[in-house]
Amino acid sequence: MARVAAPAAAPARNQPKEVTMPQSKSKNKNKSENKIIIGCLCAIGCETIFGLSYIFTKQATNIASSLTLLSWRFVLAFLIMSICVAAGAIKINLKGKNLKPIIIVAIFDPIIYFVGETVGIGSTTASESGAFLACIPVASLIASTLVLKKKPNRPQTVGICITLAGVLMTVFAVGLTASFSVIGYMMLTVAVIAYALYGVYVEKATAFTGAEITYIMLAAGAAAFAFCAIIEGCLKGQLGTLATLPFRNMDFLTAVLYQAVGCSILAFFLSNVAIANIGMNRTASFIGISTVVSIAAGILWLHENFTAWQLVGAAVIIAGVYIANIKQKEARDDRTK
């Protein structure tokens, strides 16, 4: 608050006011607002990339197994990012740092999350898996509250619940079927929990940059999924096919390149930056955007059918995201607690 200087010898003259705190507060306010803008833009960019991946992966999954796709995705992503690091385009400095927090992040995502998602989706119907994965924002709020002791504000809670309703509406609009697969339900639950804990531990890994977290995530994914894919190839006698598939099939190569560069490098990086700037609670509120983007992509590029309920669901999702992010002051206060 501005302080008024004591009057000098001439009381009739107005004395100047000392203005020190407002300038400091103004700088802090601008810095906080910039972090919010950067975080929100990164979250939107991340979910847009994930939503567009639907175009590139739908046909690829009919060509090769999920493990083959995952292995090539992470191996290529790790190699590309390693080249960028060696060329000096990306700065990575892990010397002298305790790697435990970042290793925990990599175990939850991509390893546990993608194993749970892949097995779960393969064992359940599309509506079931979509409904389970739609619960990730809610699980993220719970994990953030329990682990980080950061309670979401009311707009975040209401907005994420509305977004969840919108996602479920779009999922069930294309048909509701049940597989009653206990293994599938368990693995999807594991995937949801793993993603929520990934976000929590990214927020705790303050000693690392977004690029460093992304690099370790890619290294872990490349090692884990390449190993699993090689075992699968040996058991099926298709090791040669695994090694040469991207060079023989253009659709598979296109899907792998998009997932490697887009989803694994760029989207992971944007997600990590978003969490670091606006926290897991707020980042989670943007997850429904990928559903809206995937629906639009399916209509525009794949010429898929579109129902009125999907349109309503998409509108509900956007409304939920807006409500969760509308109260800037409350969100800033939560981040400083």
Foldseek 3Di string as FASTA:
>chain_A
DKDADDDDPDNVDGGDIDDDVVVVVVVVVVVLVVLQVLLVVLLLLLLLLLLLLCVLCVVLCVVDPPLLLLQLLLVVLLVVVVVCCVVVVDPDDCPPHDCVLLVLLLCLPPPLLVVLLRVLPVQWDQLVLQLLLLCLLVLLQVCCCVPVVQHADPLLVQLSVLLSVLSNLLSCVVHDDTRPDPSSVVSSNRNSNSSSVSLNSLLVPVVGALQNSLNVNSVSSNVVSVVVVCVVCVVVVNNVCSVCVLVPDVSSVSSSVSCSVRNRRSSSSSLSSSCNRQNRSLSSLSNSSSVVSNVVCCCPPVVDDDDPSNVVSSVSSVVSNCSSPVPPVVSSVSVVD
